[in-house]
Amino acid sequence: MSPSPTTKDASAPSAEPSLNATPSPTRIDIASDLLRRENLAETIRSLPFGERTDEQHAELSNTDRANTEMLRRVLSVHGWPGVPLVGADAARAAWLIALRSDDAEFQTDALAALAEAVTAGEAEPAWWAHLYDRSCALTGVKQWFGTQFRNSADGVEVYPVDDPENLDARRAQYGLEPHEKKVAAVRQRHGGRAA
């Protein structure tokens, strides 16, 4: 699953950031469900981690599992719910649902479907890069784009990155800001070390 240090993963989509716009999505019902589900998860996530009750942690875990199952069903019938199918906001909600899933098998399927959508101009290359890194972190493999962070005794730190010398070149190719800038933003948002 991990890309080689000198080449990108064979399943990686073309990194040309050109999202195709459509006048209106063809499946408003799926779009509405994705947006509703992501909004519920985001409402719970808006509470600082340390201030959530046990019940809120359990609710978020249950919500993420239910969202994963819903998106799994959509993927099996429609492939990735890209912009033509659900519109830009719901396509982004689908990405966030996939990103927050703790199901490694599902993420593998989602990555393949998302790669096709990116290549077709129906999803953002940066979404694929984030999901790829999340999948790496979930399975204990070094990430490729430097998008994932973890908590440590010293605060927030970058999850290990493969081939760090070429990190910013890969990030730029997928529409991501320079890594140093991302680390600074994470450090500011979380008030901890992000090294």
N, C-alpha and C. Protein backbone atom coordinates (compact mmCIF):
# COMPACT_ATOMS: atom_id res chain seq x y z
N MET A 1 0.82 -1.19 0.00
CA MET A 1 0.00 0.00 0.00
C MET A 1 0.86 1.26 0.00
N SER A 2 1.99 1.23 0.68
CA SER A 2 2.84 2.42 0.75
C SER A 2 3.53 2.66 -0.58
N PRO A 3 3.57 3.91 -1.04
CA PRO A 3 4.30 4.18 -2.26
C PRO A 3 5.79 4.02 -2.01
N SER A 4 6.52 3.71 -3.06
CA SER A 4 7.96 3.60 -2.91
C SER A 4 8.51 5.00 -2.65
N PRO A 5 9.66 5.11 -1.97
CA PRO A 5 10.21 6.43 -1.66
C PRO A 5 10.53 7.28 -2.89
N THR A 6 10.64 6.67 -4.05
CA THR A 6 11.01 7.45 -5.23
C THR A 6 9.88 7.61 -6.25
N THR A 7 8.78 6.90 -6.06
CA THR A 7 7.66 7.02 -7.00
C THR A 7 6.36 7.06 -6.24
N LYS A 8 5.35 7.65 -6.86
CA LYS A 8 4.05 7.66 -6.19
C LYS A 8 3.37 6.32 -6.39
N ASP A 9 2.41 6.04 -5.57
CA ASP A 9 1.66 4.80 -5.60
C ASP A 9 1.01 4.61 -6.97
N ALA A 10 1.02 3.39 -7.47
CA ALA A 10 0.46 3.10 -8.79
C ALA A 10 -1.03 3.41 -8.86
N SER A 11 -1.72 3.37 -7.73
CA SER A 11 -3.15 3.66 -7.74
C SER A 11 -3.45 5.15 -7.54
N ALA A 12 -2.42 5.96 -7.43
CA ALA A 12 -2.62 7.39 -7.22
C ALA A 12 -3.24 8.02 -8.46
N PRO A 13 -4.17 8.92 -8.27
CA PRO A 13 -4.78 9.59 -9.41
C PRO A 13 -3.85 10.65 -9.99
N SER A 14 -4.17 11.09 -11.17
CA SER A 14 -3.49 12.25 -11.73
C SER A 14 -3.69 13.40 -10.76
N ALA A 15 -2.67 14.18 -10.53
CA ALA A 15 -2.76 15.24 -9.53
C ALA A 15 -3.17 16.58 -10.13
N GLU A 16 -3.75 16.58 -11.31
CA GLU A 16 -4.20 17.83 -11.91
C GLU A 16 -5.45 18.31 -11.20
N PRO A 17 -5.38 19.43 -10.46
CA PRO A 17 -6.55 19.91 -9.72
C PRO A 17 -7.54 20.64 -10.63
N SER A 18 -8.49 19.88 -11.17
CA SER A 18 -9.49 20.49 -12.04
C SER A 18 -10.85 19.86 -11.78
N LEU A 19 -11.52 20.34 -10.77
CA LEU A 19 -12.82 19.82 -10.40
C LEU A 19 -13.85 20.28 -11.42
N ASN A 20 -14.54 19.33 -12.04
CA ASN A 20 -15.57 19.67 -13.01
C ASN A 20 -16.82 20.15 -12.28
N ALA A 21 -17.35 21.28 -12.70
CA ALA A 21 -18.57 21.81 -12.09
C ALA A 21 -19.78 21.32 -12.88
N THR A 22 -20.86 21.07 -12.19
CA THR A 22 -22.12 20.72 -12.84
C THR A 22 -23.20 21.64 -12.32
N PRO A 23 -24.23 21.89 -13.13
CA PRO A 23 -25.27 22.81 -12.70
C PRO A 23 -25.99 22.37 -11.43
N SER A 24 -26.35 21.10 -11.34
CA SER A 24 -26.98 20.60 -10.12
C SER A 24 -26.70 19.10 -10.01
N PRO A 25 -26.55 18.61 -8.79
CA PRO A 25 -26.26 17.19 -8.61
C PRO A 25 -27.44 16.33 -9.06
N THR A 26 -27.12 15.11 -9.47
CA THR A 26 -28.18 14.21 -9.93
C THR A 26 -28.84 13.45 -8.80
N ARG A 27 -28.19 13.34 -7.64
CA ARG A 27 -28.77 12.60 -6.52
C ARG A 27 -28.84 13.49 -5.27
N ILE A 28 -29.86 14.32 -5.24
CA ILE A 28 -30.07 15.22 -4.10
C ILE A 28 -30.29 14.42 -2.82
N ASP A 29 -30.93 13.26 -2.91
CA ASP A 29 -31.19 12.44 -1.72
C ASP A 29 -29.88 11.99 -1.07
N ILE A 30 -28.92 11.53 -1.87
CA ILE A 30 -27.63 11.12 -1.32
C ILE A 30 -26.88 12.33 -0.80
N ALA A 31 -26.94 13.43 -1.54
CA ALA A 31 -26.27 14.66 -1.10
C ALA A 31 -26.79 15.10 0.26
N SER A 32 -28.09 15.11 0.41
CA SER A 32 -28.70 15.54 1.69
C SER A 32 -28.28 14.63 2.83
N ASP A 33 -28.26 13.33 2.58
CA ASP A 33 -27.88 12.37 3.62
C ASP A 33 -26.42 12.56 4.02
N LEU A 34 -25.52 12.72 3.03
CA LEU A 34 -24.11 12.95 3.33
C LEU A 34 -23.92 14.22 4.16
N LEU A 35 -24.57 15.30 3.75
CA LEU A 35 -24.43 16.57 4.47
C LEU A 35 -24.99 16.48 5.88
N ARG A 36 -26.13 15.83 6.04
CA ARG A 36 -26.73 15.67 7.37
C ARG A 36 -25.81 14.87 8.28
N ARG A 37 -25.28 13.78 7.75
CA ARG A 37 -24.41 12.91 8.55
C ARG A 37 -23.12 13.63 8.95
N GLU A 38 -22.51 14.31 8.00
CA GLU A 38 -21.27 15.02 8.32
C GLU A 38 -21.53 16.16 9.30
N ASN A 39 -22.65 16.83 9.18
CA ASN A 39 -23.00 17.91 10.10
C ASN A 39 -23.15 17.38 11.53
N LEU A 40 -23.79 16.22 11.67
CA LEU A 40 -23.94 15.62 13.00
C LEU A 40 -22.58 15.29 13.59
N ALA A 41 -21.71 14.66 12.81
CA ALA A 41 -20.38 14.30 13.30
C ALA A 41 -19.58 15.56 13.65
N GLU A 42 -19.69 16.58 12.83
CA GLU A 42 -18.96 17.83 13.07
C GLU A 42 -19.45 18.53 14.33
N THR A 43 -20.74 18.44 14.61
CA THR A 43 -21.30 19.05 15.82
C THR A 43 -20.65 18.42 17.06
N ILE A 44 -20.51 17.11 17.06
CA ILE A 44 -19.88 16.44 18.19
C ILE A 44 -18.39 16.78 18.24
N ARG A 45 -17.74 16.80 17.07
CA ARG A 45 -16.30 17.09 17.02
C ARG A 45 -15.99 18.53 17.42
N SER A 46 -16.95 19.41 17.35
CA SER A 46 -16.69 20.81 17.69
C SER A 46 -16.38 20.99 19.17
N LEU A 47 -16.76 20.00 19.97
CA LEU A 47 -16.41 20.05 21.39
C LEU A 47 -14.95 19.64 21.55
N PRO A 48 -14.16 20.38 22.32
CA PRO A 48 -12.76 19.98 22.52
C PRO A 48 -12.68 18.56 23.04
N PHE A 49 -11.71 17.80 22.52
CA PHE A 49 -11.58 16.37 22.83
C PHE A 49 -11.63 16.11 24.33
N GLY A 50 -10.87 16.86 25.10
CA GLY A 50 -10.78 16.64 26.54
C GLY A 50 -12.04 17.02 27.30
N GLU A 51 -12.96 17.75 26.65
CA GLU A 51 -14.19 18.18 27.31
C GLU A 51 -15.39 17.31 26.95
N ARG A 52 -15.21 16.35 26.05
CA ARG A 52 -16.32 15.48 25.68
C ARG A 52 -16.56 14.46 26.79
N THR A 53 -17.84 14.18 27.01
CA THR A 53 -18.20 13.15 27.99
C THR A 53 -18.00 11.78 27.36
N ASP A 54 -18.02 10.76 28.19
CA ASP A 54 -17.93 9.38 27.66
C ASP A 54 -19.07 9.11 26.68
N GLU A 55 -20.24 9.63 26.99
CA GLU A 55 -21.39 9.44 26.10
C GLU A 55 -21.16 10.12 24.75
N GLN A 56 -20.54 11.30 24.76
CA GLN A 56 -20.26 12.01 23.50
C GLN A 56 -19.19 11.28 22.68
N HIS A 57 -18.18 10.73 23.35
CA HIS A 57 -17.17 9.92 22.64
C HIS A 57 -17.84 8.71 21.99
N ALA A 58 -18.71 8.04 22.75
CA ALA A 58 -19.41 6.87 22.22
C ALA A 58 -20.33 7.26 21.07
N GLU A 59 -21.02 8.38 21.21
CA GLU A 59 -21.90 8.85 20.14
C GLU A 59 -21.12 9.14 18.87
N LEU A 60 -19.96 9.77 19.00
CA LEU A 60 -19.14 10.08 17.83
C LEU A 60 -18.64 8.80 17.17
N SER A 61 -18.21 7.84 17.97
CA SER A 61 -17.75 6.57 17.43
C SER A 61 -18.88 5.86 16.68
N ASN A 62 -20.06 5.83 17.27
CA ASN A 62 -21.22 5.21 16.61
C ASN A 62 -21.59 5.95 15.34
N THR A 63 -21.53 7.27 15.38
CA THR A 63 -21.84 8.09 14.20
C THR A 63 -20.85 7.81 13.08
N ASP A 64 -19.56 7.76 13.41
CA ASP A 64 -18.54 7.48 12.38
C ASP A 64 -18.74 6.10 11.77
N ARG A 65 -19.09 5.10 12.59
CA ARG A 65 -19.34 3.75 12.05
C ARG A 65 -20.56 3.75 11.13
N ALA A 66 -21.63 4.41 11.56
CA ALA A 66 -22.84 4.46 10.73
C ALA A 66 -22.57 5.22 9.43
N ASN A 67 -21.81 6.29 9.51
CA ASN A 67 -21.46 7.07 8.31
C ASN A 67 -20.62 6.23 7.35
N THR A 68 -19.69 5.44 7.90
CA THR A 68 -18.87 4.56 7.07
C THR A 68 -19.75 3.57 6.33
N GLU A 69 -20.70 2.97 7.02
CA GLU A 69 -21.59 1.98 6.39
C GLU A 69 -22.44 2.62 5.31
N MET A 70 -22.93 3.82 5.55
CA MET A 70 -23.73 4.50 4.53
C MET A 70 -22.88 4.78 3.30
N LEU A 71 -21.66 5.29 3.50
CA LEU A 71 -20.79 5.61 2.38
C LEU A 71 -20.35 4.33 1.66
N ARG A 72 -20.16 3.25 2.39
CA ARG A 72 -19.82 1.96 1.77
C ARG A 72 -20.93 1.54 0.79
N ARG A 73 -22.19 1.73 1.20
CA ARG A 73 -23.32 1.39 0.32
C ARG A 73 -23.32 2.27 -0.93
N VAL A 74 -23.06 3.55 -0.75
CA VAL A 74 -23.02 4.47 -1.89
C VAL A 74 -21.91 4.06 -2.85
N LEU A 75 -20.73 3.76 -2.32
CA LEU A 75 -19.60 3.35 -3.16
C LEU A 75 -19.92 2.10 -3.95
N SER A 76 -20.62 1.16 -3.34
CA SER A 76 -20.92 -0.10 -4.03
C SER A 76 -21.88 0.09 -5.19
N VAL A 77 -22.72 1.11 -5.13
CA VAL A 77 -23.70 1.34 -6.19
C VAL A 77 -23.23 2.40 -7.19
N HIS A 78 -22.64 3.48 -6.70
CA HIS A 78 -22.34 4.64 -7.53
C HIS A 78 -20.86 4.93 -7.73
N GLY A 79 -19.98 4.24 -7.02
CA GLY A 79 -18.59 4.66 -7.00
C GLY A 79 -18.49 5.88 -6.09
N TRP A 80 -17.39 6.62 -6.23
CA TRP A 80 -17.22 7.79 -5.36
C TRP A 80 -18.32 8.81 -5.64
N PRO A 81 -18.97 9.35 -4.59
CA PRO A 81 -20.00 10.36 -4.80
C PRO A 81 -19.36 11.71 -5.11
N GLY A 82 -19.02 11.90 -6.36
CA GLY A 82 -18.35 13.10 -6.81
C GLY A 82 -19.31 14.24 -7.06
N VAL A 83 -18.77 15.34 -7.54
CA VAL A 83 -19.53 16.57 -7.75
C VAL A 83 -20.75 16.37 -8.65
N PRO A 84 -20.66 15.67 -9.80
CA PRO A 84 -21.85 15.50 -10.64
C PRO A 84 -22.98 14.76 -9.92
N LEU A 85 -22.63 13.80 -9.08
CA LEU A 85 -23.65 13.01 -8.40
C LEU A 85 -24.29 13.76 -7.23
N VAL A 86 -23.45 14.41 -6.39
CA VAL A 86 -23.97 14.99 -5.14
C VAL A 86 -23.65 16.46 -4.93
N GLY A 87 -22.89 17.09 -5.81
CA GLY A 87 -22.51 18.49 -5.62
C GLY A 87 -21.22 18.59 -4.80
N ALA A 88 -20.61 19.76 -4.85
CA ALA A 88 -19.30 19.96 -4.22
C ALA A 88 -19.33 19.80 -2.70
N ASP A 89 -20.32 20.37 -2.03
CA ASP A 89 -20.37 20.29 -0.56
C ASP A 89 -20.56 18.87 -0.07
N ALA A 90 -21.45 18.12 -0.71
CA ALA A 90 -21.69 16.74 -0.29
C ALA A 90 -20.52 15.83 -0.68
N ALA A 91 -19.85 16.12 -1.80
CA ALA A 91 -18.66 15.35 -2.17
C ALA A 91 -17.58 15.55 -1.11
N ARG A 92 -17.45 16.77 -0.62
CA ARG A 92 -16.48 17.03 0.46
C ARG A 92 -16.91 16.32 1.74
N ALA A 93 -18.21 16.30 2.03
CA ALA A 93 -18.71 15.59 3.20
C ALA A 93 -18.38 14.10 3.11
N ALA A 94 -18.51 13.52 1.91
CA ALA A 94 -18.16 12.11 1.71
C ALA A 94 -16.69 11.89 2.02
N TRP A 95 -15.85 12.80 1.55
CA TRP A 95 -14.42 12.69 1.84
C TRP A 95 -14.15 12.72 3.34
N LEU A 96 -14.79 13.63 4.05
CA LEU A 96 -14.59 13.73 5.50
C LEU A 96 -15.06 12.47 6.21
N ILE A 97 -16.17 11.90 5.75
CA ILE A 97 -16.66 10.65 6.33
C ILE A 97 -15.63 9.55 6.13
N ALA A 98 -15.10 9.43 4.90
CA ALA A 98 -14.09 8.40 4.62
C ALA A 98 -12.83 8.64 5.44
N LEU A 99 -12.43 9.88 5.55
CA LEU A 99 -11.22 10.25 6.28
C LEU A 99 -11.32 9.88 7.75
N ARG A 100 -12.49 9.99 8.31
CA ARG A 100 -12.67 9.75 9.75
C ARG A 100 -13.01 8.31 10.08
N SER A 101 -13.11 7.48 9.08
CA SER A 101 -13.40 6.07 9.31
C SER A 101 -12.17 5.38 9.90
N ASP A 102 -12.41 4.41 10.77
CA ASP A 102 -11.32 3.60 11.32
C ASP A 102 -11.32 2.21 10.71
N ASP A 103 -11.97 2.05 9.57
CA ASP A 103 -12.07 0.76 8.88
C ASP A 103 -11.07 0.75 7.72
N ALA A 104 -9.95 0.05 7.91
CA ALA A 104 -8.87 0.05 6.91
C ALA A 104 -9.32 -0.55 5.58
N GLU A 105 -10.12 -1.60 5.61
CA GLU A 105 -10.60 -2.21 4.37
C GLU A 105 -11.49 -1.23 3.60
N PHE A 106 -12.37 -0.56 4.32
CA PHE A 106 -13.22 0.45 3.69
C PHE A 106 -12.37 1.55 3.07
N GLN A 107 -11.36 2.02 3.80
CA GLN A 107 -10.53 3.10 3.26
C GLN A 107 -9.80 2.68 2.00
N THR A 108 -9.39 1.43 1.89
CA THR A 108 -8.76 0.95 0.67
C THR A 108 -9.73 1.05 -0.50
N ASP A 109 -10.97 0.63 -0.29
CA ASP A 109 -11.99 0.73 -1.33
C ASP A 109 -12.29 2.20 -1.66
N ALA A 110 -12.37 3.03 -0.63
CA ALA A 110 -12.66 4.44 -0.84
C ALA A 110 -11.54 5.13 -1.62
N LEU A 111 -10.28 4.77 -1.31
CA LEU A 111 -9.14 5.35 -2.03
C LEU A 111 -9.22 5.04 -3.53
N ALA A 112 -9.54 3.81 -3.87
CA ALA A 112 -9.64 3.43 -5.28
C ALA A 112 -10.76 4.20 -5.97
N ALA A 113 -11.91 4.29 -5.33
CA ALA A 113 -13.04 5.02 -5.91
C ALA A 113 -12.74 6.51 -6.02
N LEU A 114 -12.10 7.06 -4.99
CA LEU A 114 -11.76 8.48 -5.00
C LEU A 114 -10.72 8.78 -6.08
N ALA A 115 -9.77 7.88 -6.30
CA ALA A 115 -8.77 8.07 -7.36
C ALA A 115 -9.45 8.21 -8.72
N GLU A 116 -10.45 7.36 -8.97
CA GLU A 116 -11.18 7.45 -10.23
C GLU A 116 -11.91 8.79 -10.35
N ALA A 117 -12.51 9.24 -9.25
CA ALA A 117 -13.23 10.51 -9.27
C ALA A 117 -12.28 11.69 -9.49
N VAL A 118 -11.11 11.64 -8.88
CA VAL A 118 -10.12 12.71 -9.08
C VAL A 118 -9.69 12.75 -10.54
N THR A 119 -9.39 11.59 -11.10
CA THR A 119 -8.97 11.51 -12.50
C THR A 119 -10.06 12.05 -13.44
N ALA A 120 -11.32 11.82 -13.08
CA ALA A 120 -12.44 12.31 -13.89
C ALA A 120 -12.77 13.78 -13.63
N GLY A 121 -12.06 14.41 -12.69
CA GLY A 121 -12.32 15.81 -12.37
C GLY A 121 -13.54 16.01 -11.49
N GLU A 122 -13.92 14.95 -10.75
CA GLU A 122 -15.12 15.00 -9.91
C GLU A 122 -14.80 15.12 -8.42
N ALA A 123 -13.53 15.16 -8.07
CA ALA A 123 -13.09 15.28 -6.67
C ALA A 123 -11.71 15.91 -6.66
N GLU A 124 -11.32 16.45 -5.52
CA GLU A 124 -10.05 17.17 -5.38
C GLU A 124 -8.87 16.22 -5.16
N PRO A 125 -7.75 16.45 -5.84
CA PRO A 125 -6.55 15.64 -5.59
C PRO A 125 -6.10 15.67 -4.12
N ALA A 126 -6.26 16.81 -3.46
CA ALA A 126 -5.86 16.93 -2.05
C ALA A 126 -6.67 15.98 -1.17
N TRP A 127 -7.91 15.71 -1.54
CA TRP A 127 -8.72 14.77 -0.76
C TRP A 127 -8.09 13.39 -0.80
N TRP A 128 -7.66 12.98 -2.00
CA TRP A 128 -7.03 11.66 -2.14
C TRP A 128 -5.75 11.60 -1.30
N ALA A 129 -4.94 12.66 -1.35
CA ALA A 129 -3.69 12.69 -0.58
C ALA A 129 -3.96 12.55 0.92
N HIS A 130 -4.94 13.27 1.43
CA HIS A 130 -5.29 13.18 2.85
C HIS A 130 -5.77 11.77 3.20
N LEU A 131 -6.64 11.22 2.36
CA LEU A 131 -7.18 9.89 2.65
C LEU A 131 -6.08 8.83 2.54
N TYR A 132 -5.17 8.99 1.60
CA TYR A 132 -4.05 8.05 1.48
C TYR A 132 -3.22 8.07 2.76
N ASP A 133 -2.88 9.26 3.23
CA ASP A 133 -2.09 9.37 4.46
C ASP A 133 -2.84 8.81 5.67
N ARG A 134 -4.12 9.06 5.74
CA ARG A 134 -4.92 8.56 6.86
C ARG A 134 -4.91 7.03 6.85
N SER A 135 -5.02 6.46 5.65
CA SER A 135 -4.97 5.01 5.51
C SER A 135 -3.61 4.48 5.96
N CYS A 136 -2.54 5.18 5.60
CA CYS A 136 -1.20 4.79 6.04
C CYS A 136 -1.10 4.82 7.56
N ALA A 137 -1.57 5.90 8.16
CA ALA A 137 -1.50 6.04 9.62
C ALA A 137 -2.33 4.96 10.30
N LEU A 138 -3.47 4.65 9.73
CA LEU A 138 -4.36 3.64 10.31
C LEU A 138 -3.73 2.26 10.28
N THR A 139 -2.90 2.00 9.29
CA THR A 139 -2.29 0.67 9.14
C THR A 139 -0.82 0.64 9.60
N GLY A 140 -0.32 1.74 10.17
CA GLY A 140 1.03 1.76 10.72
C GLY A 140 2.14 1.92 9.70
N VAL A 141 1.82 2.50 8.54
CA VAL A 141 2.80 2.73 7.48
C VAL A 141 3.12 4.22 7.45
N LYS A 142 4.36 4.58 7.14
CA LYS A 142 4.70 6.00 7.03
C LYS A 142 3.84 6.66 5.97
N GLN A 143 3.41 7.89 6.28
CA GLN A 143 2.58 8.62 5.33
C GLN A 143 3.42 9.22 4.21
N TRP A 144 2.79 9.69 3.17
CA TRP A 144 3.46 10.15 1.96
C TRP A 144 3.34 11.65 1.76
N PHE A 145 2.27 12.28 2.27
CA PHE A 145 2.02 13.70 2.03
C PHE A 145 2.10 14.58 3.29
N GLY A 146 2.32 13.98 4.45
CA GLY A 146 2.47 14.75 5.68
C GLY A 146 1.21 15.42 6.17
N THR A 147 0.05 14.80 5.93
CA THR A 147 -1.21 15.42 6.34
C THR A 147 -1.70 14.98 7.71
N GLN A 148 -1.09 13.91 8.25
CA GLN A 148 -1.60 13.34 9.49
C GLN A 148 -0.71 13.66 10.68
N PHE A 149 -1.36 13.97 11.78
CA PHE A 149 -0.69 14.31 13.03
C PHE A 149 -1.21 13.39 14.12
N ARG A 150 -0.46 13.31 15.21
CA ARG A 150 -0.90 12.50 16.34
C ARG A 150 -0.49 13.20 17.62
N ASN A 151 -1.17 12.85 18.70
CA ASN A 151 -0.85 13.40 20.01
C ASN A 151 0.31 12.63 20.61
N SER A 152 1.17 13.35 21.30
CA SER A 152 2.27 12.73 22.04
C SER A 152 2.38 13.43 23.39
N ALA A 153 3.28 12.97 24.20
CA ALA A 153 3.49 13.59 25.51
C ALA A 153 3.90 15.05 25.38
N ASP A 154 4.54 15.40 24.25
CA ASP A 154 5.00 16.77 24.02
C ASP A 154 3.99 17.62 23.25
N GLY A 155 2.83 17.08 22.95
CA GLY A 155 1.82 17.82 22.19
C GLY A 155 1.53 17.12 20.88
N VAL A 156 1.14 17.88 19.88
CA VAL A 156 0.81 17.34 18.57
C VAL A 156 2.09 17.20 17.75
N GLU A 157 2.25 16.04 17.10
CA GLU A 157 3.42 15.83 16.25
C GLU A 157 3.00 15.23 14.92
N VAL A 158 3.86 15.40 13.93
CA VAL A 158 3.61 14.85 12.60
C VAL A 158 3.78 13.34 12.66
N TYR A 159 2.80 12.62 12.11
CA TYR A 159 2.95 11.17 11.96
C TYR A 159 4.14 10.94 11.02
N PRO A 160 4.96 9.90 11.21
CA PRO A 160 6.16 9.70 10.39
C PRO A 160 5.88 9.76 8.87
N VAL A 161 6.81 10.40 8.16
CA VAL A 161 6.69 10.62 6.71
C VAL A 161 7.78 9.87 5.98
N ASP A 162 7.40 9.18 4.91
CA ASP A 162 8.35 8.51 4.03
C ASP A 162 8.94 9.55 3.07
N ASP A 163 10.23 9.48 2.81
CA ASP A 163 10.93 10.37 1.88
C ASP A 163 10.65 11.85 2.18
N PRO A 164 10.99 12.31 3.40
CA PRO A 164 10.69 13.69 3.78
C PRO A 164 11.40 14.74 2.93
N GLU A 165 12.51 14.39 2.29
CA GLU A 165 13.24 15.37 1.47
C GLU A 165 12.40 15.88 0.30
N ASN A 166 11.49 15.06 -0.20
CA ASN A 166 10.67 15.44 -1.36
C ASN A 166 9.22 15.72 -0.98
N LEU A 167 8.97 15.90 0.30
CA LEU A 167 7.60 16.07 0.79
C LEU A 167 6.90 17.27 0.16
N ASP A 168 7.53 18.44 0.17
CA ASP A 168 6.85 19.63 -0.35
C ASP A 168 6.57 19.54 -1.85
N ALA A 169 7.43 18.86 -2.59
CA ALA A 169 7.18 18.68 -4.02
C ALA A 169 5.93 17.82 -4.22
N ARG A 170 5.80 16.76 -3.44
CA ARG A 170 4.60 15.91 -3.54
C ARG A 170 3.37 16.69 -3.12
N ARG A 171 3.49 17.44 -2.04
CA ARG A 171 2.34 18.21 -1.55
C ARG A 171 1.88 19.22 -2.61
N ALA A 172 2.81 19.90 -3.23
CA ALA A 172 2.45 20.89 -4.25
C ALA A 172 1.74 20.23 -5.43
N GLN A 173 2.20 19.06 -5.80
CA GLN A 173 1.61 18.33 -6.92
C GLN A 173 0.13 18.01 -6.66
N TYR A 174 -0.25 17.85 -5.41
CA TYR A 174 -1.63 17.50 -5.05
C TYR A 174 -2.41 18.69 -4.47
N GLY A 175 -1.87 19.89 -4.66
CA GLY A 175 -2.60 21.09 -4.24
C GLY A 175 -2.56 21.36 -2.76
N LEU A 176 -1.55 20.84 -2.07
CA LEU A 176 -1.40 21.07 -0.63
C LEU A 176 -0.36 22.15 -0.38
N GLU A 177 -0.57 22.95 0.65
CA GLU A 177 0.37 24.01 1.00
C GLU A 177 1.70 23.40 1.48
N PRO A 178 2.77 24.20 1.52
CA PRO A 178 4.05 23.69 2.04
C PRO A 178 3.87 23.13 3.45
N HIS A 179 4.59 22.08 3.75
CA HIS A 179 4.40 21.37 5.02
C HIS A 179 4.67 22.26 6.23
N GLU A 180 5.69 23.10 6.14
CA GLU A 180 6.01 23.98 7.27
C GLU A 180 4.81 24.88 7.62
N LYS A 181 4.13 25.34 6.61
CA LYS A 181 2.95 26.19 6.81
C LYS A 181 1.81 25.39 7.48
N LYS A 182 1.63 24.14 7.05
CA LYS A 182 0.61 23.28 7.65
C LYS A 182 0.93 22.99 9.10
N VAL A 183 2.18 22.68 9.39
CA VAL A 183 2.59 22.40 10.76
C VAL A 183 2.32 23.61 11.65
N ALA A 184 2.64 24.81 11.16
CA ALA A 184 2.40 26.03 11.94
C ALA A 184 0.91 26.21 12.23
N ALA A 185 0.06 25.92 11.23
CA ALA A 185 -1.38 26.05 11.42
C ALA A 185 -1.89 25.05 12.45
N VAL A 186 -1.40 23.82 12.39
CA VAL A 186 -1.81 22.80 13.36
C VAL A 186 -1.33 23.20 14.75
N ARG A 187 -0.12 23.68 14.84
CA ARG A 187 0.44 24.11 16.13
C ARG A 187 -0.42 25.23 16.72
N GLN A 188 -0.81 26.19 15.90
CA GLN A 188 -1.62 27.30 16.38
C GLN A 188 -3.01 26.82 16.81
N ARG A 189 -3.61 25.94 16.02
CA ARG A 189 -4.96 25.45 16.32
C ARG A 189 -4.99 24.63 17.59
N HIS A 190 -3.96 23.82 17.81
CA HIS A 190 -3.96 22.90 18.94
C HIS A 190 -3.11 23.38 20.12
N GLY A 191 -2.39 24.46 19.93
CA GLY A 191 -1.60 25.02 21.03
C GLY A 191 -0.50 24.12 21.50
N GLY A 192 -0.09 23.19 20.68
CA GLY A 192 0.98 22.27 21.08
C GLY A 192 2.06 22.19 20.04
N ARG A 193 3.08 21.45 20.34
CA ARG A 193 4.19 21.24 19.44
C ARG A 193 3.72 20.36 18.28
N ALA A 194 4.07 20.72 17.07
CA ALA A 194 3.72 19.91 15.90
C ALA A 194 4.99 19.70 15.09
N ALA A 195 5.91 18.96 15.64
CA ALA A 195 7.21 18.75 14.98
C ALA A 195 7.32 17.34 14.46
